[in-house]
């Protein structure tokens, strides 16, 4: 079962979060050799992505990944509500949905 987390993305600003993956006992999971992917779409049934997350492993033995979107990419997104999810492909099993939720892009004012 995936985790649920709604996020706010500031239009024109860099979005960057560190996520730590833990097991049911609260221990960090070693994610060495694992892969991750994540998309943002306007609606669940949308055929095209509004944006992709850039996901990199920052501390494999401590289960930490960085999830980001560049400021140029967020500037190109229309303000409003989107949906997203992040998938994890561990080396020991099939792909699972790690995290999902609503992504609200808030408009910028300064030009």
C-alpha atoms as a PDB file:
ATOM      1  CA  UNK A   1       0.000   0.000   0.000  1.00  0.00           C
ATOM      2  CA  UNK A   2       1.413   3.355  -1.019  1.00  0.00           C
ATOM      3  CA  UNK A   3       1.858   6.357   1.214  1.00  0.00           C
ATOM      4  CA  UNK A   4      -0.322   9.404   0.654  1.00  0.00           C
ATOM      5  CA  UNK A   5       1.151  12.904   0.674  1.00  0.00           C
ATOM      6  CA  UNK A   6      -0.264  16.061  -0.877  1.00  0.00           C
ATOM      7  CA  UNK A   7       2.413  18.516  -2.025  1.00  0.00           C
ATOM      8  CA  UNK A   8       2.648  22.171  -3.002  1.00  0.00           C
ATOM      9  CA  UNK A   9       4.822  23.186  -5.948  1.00  0.00           C
ATOM     10  CA  UNK A  10       5.614  26.878  -6.241  1.00  0.00           C
ATOM     11  CA  UNK A  11       5.409  27.996  -9.866  1.00  0.00           C
ATOM     12  CA  UNK A  12       8.843  29.232 -10.967  1.00  0.00           C
ATOM     13  CA  UNK A  13      10.629  27.785  -7.916  1.00  0.00           C
ATOM     14  CA  UNK A  14      12.673  24.611  -7.620  1.00  0.00           C
ATOM     15  CA  UNK A  15      10.783  21.749  -5.994  1.00  0.00           C
ATOM     16  CA  UNK A  16      13.118  19.514  -3.992  1.00  0.00           C
ATOM     17  CA  UNK A  17      12.285  16.983  -1.266  1.00  0.00           C
ATOM     18  CA  UNK A  18      14.198  14.193   0.433  1.00  0.00           C
ATOM     19  CA  UNK A  19      12.193  11.031   1.082  1.00  0.00           C
ATOM     20  CA  UNK A  20      13.396   8.218   3.320  1.00  0.00           C
ATOM     21  CA  UNK A  21      12.071   4.705   2.790  1.00  0.00           C
ATOM     22  CA  UNK A  22      11.547   2.662   5.954  1.00  0.00           C
ATOM     23  CA  UNK A  23      10.203  -0.810   6.646  1.00  0.00           C
ATOM     24  CA  UNK A  24       7.213  -1.536   8.902  1.00  0.00           C
ATOM     25  CA  UNK A  25       9.478  -1.491  11.963  1.00  0.00           C
ATOM     26  CA  UNK A  26      10.753   2.008  11.162  1.00  0.00           C
ATOM     27  CA  UNK A  27      14.190   0.895   9.952  1.00  0.00           C
ATOM     28  CA  UNK A  28      15.747   2.452   6.844  1.00  0.00           C
ATOM     29  CA  UNK A  29      15.630   0.198   3.775  1.00  0.00           C
ATOM     30  CA  UNK A  30      18.836  -0.260   1.749  1.00  0.00           C
ATOM     31  CA  UNK A  31      17.867   0.826  -1.785  1.00  0.00           C
ATOM     32  CA  UNK A  32      21.193   0.090  -3.478  1.00  0.00           C
ATOM     33  CA  UNK A  33      20.532  -0.818  -7.136  1.00  0.00           C
ATOM     34  CA  UNK A  34      16.844   0.140  -6.976  1.00  0.00           C
ATOM     35  CA  UNK A  35      15.105   2.453  -9.465  1.00  0.00           C
ATOM     36  CA  UNK A  36      12.425   5.119  -9.112  1.00  0.00           C
ATOM     37  CA  UNK A  37      10.104   7.005 -11.469  1.00  0.00           C
ATOM     38  CA  UNK A  38       7.405   9.603 -10.931  1.00  0.00           C
ATOM     39  CA  UNK A  39       4.942  11.627 -13.002  1.00  0.00           C
ATOM     40  CA  UNK A  40       2.578  14.536 -12.518  1.00  0.00           C
ATOM     41  CA  UNK A  41      -0.604  14.625 -14.608  1.00  0.00           C
ATOM     42  CA  UNK A  42      -3.577  16.964 -14.728  1.00  0.00           C
ATOM     43  CA  UNK A  43      -6.009  14.094 -14.063  1.00  0.00           C
ATOM     44  CA  UNK A  44      -5.686  10.370 -13.407  1.00  0.00           C
ATOM     45  CA  UNK A  45      -6.792   9.537 -16.963  1.00  0.00           C
ATOM     46  CA  UNK A  46      -4.570  12.113 -18.708  1.00  0.00           C
ATOM     47  CA  UNK A  47      -2.616  10.618 -21.609  1.00  0.00           C
ATOM     48  CA  UNK A  48       0.232  13.120 -21.295  1.00  0.00           C
ATOM     49  CA  UNK A  49       2.434  14.028 -18.366  1.00  0.00           C
ATOM     50  CA  UNK A  50       2.456  17.592 -17.096  1.00  0.00           C
ATOM     51  CA  UNK A  51       5.938  16.976 -15.691  1.00  0.00           C
ATOM     52  CA  UNK A  52       8.324  14.232 -14.574  1.00  0.00           C
ATOM     53  CA  UNK A  53      10.071  14.147 -11.232  1.00  0.00           C
ATOM     54  CA  UNK A  54      13.865  13.940 -11.296  1.00  0.00           C
ATOM     55  CA  UNK A  55      14.591  11.209  -8.771  1.00  0.00           C
ATOM     56  CA  UNK A  56      18.035  10.243  -7.551  1.00  0.00           C
ATOM     57  CA  UNK A  57      19.282   8.075  -4.730  1.00  0.00           C
ATOM     58  CA  UNK A  58      21.166  10.254  -2.243  1.00  0.00           C
ATOM     59  CA  UNK A  59      21.957   7.740   0.543  1.00  0.00           C
ATOM     60  CA  UNK A  60      21.283   4.184  -0.611  1.00  0.00           C
ATOM     61  CA  UNK A  61      22.015   2.389   2.676  1.00  0.00           C
ATOM     62  CA  UNK A  62      19.791   4.875   4.561  1.00  0.00           C
ATOM     63  CA  UNK A  63      16.935   4.607   2.028  1.00  0.00           C
ATOM     64  CA  UNK A  64      17.061   8.275   0.975  1.00  0.00           C
ATOM     65  CA  UNK A  65      16.042   9.656  -2.408  1.00  0.00           C
ATOM     66  CA  UNK A  66      15.836  13.204  -3.748  1.00  0.00           C
ATOM     67  CA  UNK A  67      12.673  14.117  -5.670  1.00  0.00           C
ATOM     68  CA  UNK A  68      12.912  17.368  -7.629  1.00  0.00           C
ATOM     69  CA  UNK A  69      11.625  19.535 -10.466  1.00  0.00           C
ATOM     70  CA  UNK A  70      13.689  22.416 -11.861  1.00  0.00           C
ATOM     71  CA  UNK A  71      12.514  26.017 -11.557  1.00  0.00           C
ATOM     72  CA  UNK A  72      12.300  26.271 -15.362  1.00  0.00           C
ATOM     73  CA  UNK A  73       9.963  23.276 -15.425  1.00  0.00           C
ATOM     74  CA  UNK A  74       7.719  24.561 -12.619  1.00  0.00           C
ATOM     75  CA  UNK A  75       7.558  27.959 -14.362  1.00  0.00           C
ATOM     76  CA  UNK A  76       6.128  26.214 -17.426  1.00  0.00           C
ATOM     77  CA  UNK A  77       3.381  24.475 -15.424  1.00  0.00           C
ATOM     78  CA  UNK A  78      -0.036  26.093 -15.216  1.00  0.00           C
ATOM     79  CA  UNK A  79      -1.225  26.897 -11.717  1.00  0.00           C
ATOM     80  CA  UNK A  80      -3.810  24.451 -10.425  1.00  0.00           C
ATOM     81  CA  UNK A  81      -4.350  20.990  -9.050  1.00  0.00           C
ATOM     82  CA  UNK A  82      -2.643  17.890 -10.427  1.00  0.00           C
ATOM     83  CA  UNK A  83      -2.193  14.267  -9.358  1.00  0.00           C
ATOM     84  CA  UNK A  84       1.113  12.453  -8.997  1.00  0.00           C
ATOM     85  CA  UNK A  85       2.696   9.202  -7.975  1.00  0.00           C
ATOM     86  CA  UNK A  86       6.177   7.814  -7.457  1.00  0.00           C
ATOM     87  CA  UNK A  87       6.994   4.199  -8.290  1.00  0.00           C
ATOM     88  CA  UNK A  88       9.785   2.161  -6.720  1.00  0.00           C
ATOM     89  CA  UNK A  89      11.344  -0.893  -8.324  1.00  0.00           C
ATOM     90  CA  UNK A  90      13.291  -2.724  -5.598  1.00  0.00           C
ATOM     91  CA  UNK A  91      15.781  -5.393  -6.589  1.00  0.00           C
ATOM     92  CA  UNK A  92      13.849  -8.025  -4.600  1.00  0.00           C
ATOM     93  CA  UNK A  93      10.302  -7.647  -6.006  1.00  0.00           C
ATOM     94  CA  UNK A  94       8.083  -6.024  -8.640  1.00  0.00           C
ATOM     95  CA  UNK A  95       7.420  -2.303  -9.012  1.00  0.00           C
ATOM     96  CA  UNK A  96       5.285  -0.790  -6.264  1.00  0.00           C
ATOM     97  CA  UNK A  97       3.638   2.595  -5.891  1.00  0.00           C
ATOM     98  CA  UNK A  98       5.654   4.252  -3.140  1.00  0.00           C
ATOM     99  CA  UNK A  99       3.833   7.570  -2.801  1.00  0.00           C
ATOM    100  CA  UNK A 100       0.817   9.327  -4.310  1.00  0.00           C
ATOM    101  CA  UNK A 101      -1.320  12.399  -3.838  1.00  0.00           C
ATOM    102  CA  UNK A 102      -2.414  15.797  -5.052  1.00  0.00           C
ATOM    103  CA  UNK A 103       0.165  18.285  -6.334  1.00  0.00           C
ATOM    104  CA  UNK A 104      -1.018  21.872  -6.163  1.00  0.00           C
ATOM    105  CA  UNK A 105       0.931  24.324  -8.289  1.00  0.00           C
ATOM    106  CA  UNK A 106       0.606  27.778  -6.769  1.00  0.00           C
ATOM    107  CA  UNK A 107       1.008  30.786  -9.090  1.00  0.00           C
ATOM    108  CA  UNK A 108       3.960  33.125  -8.806  1.00  0.00           C
ATOM    109  CA  UNK A 109       3.572  36.891  -8.638  1.00  0.00           C
ATOM    110  CA  UNK A 110       7.047  38.348  -9.161  1.00  0.00           C
ATOM    111  CA  UNK A 111       8.095  38.661 -12.800  1.00  0.00           C
END
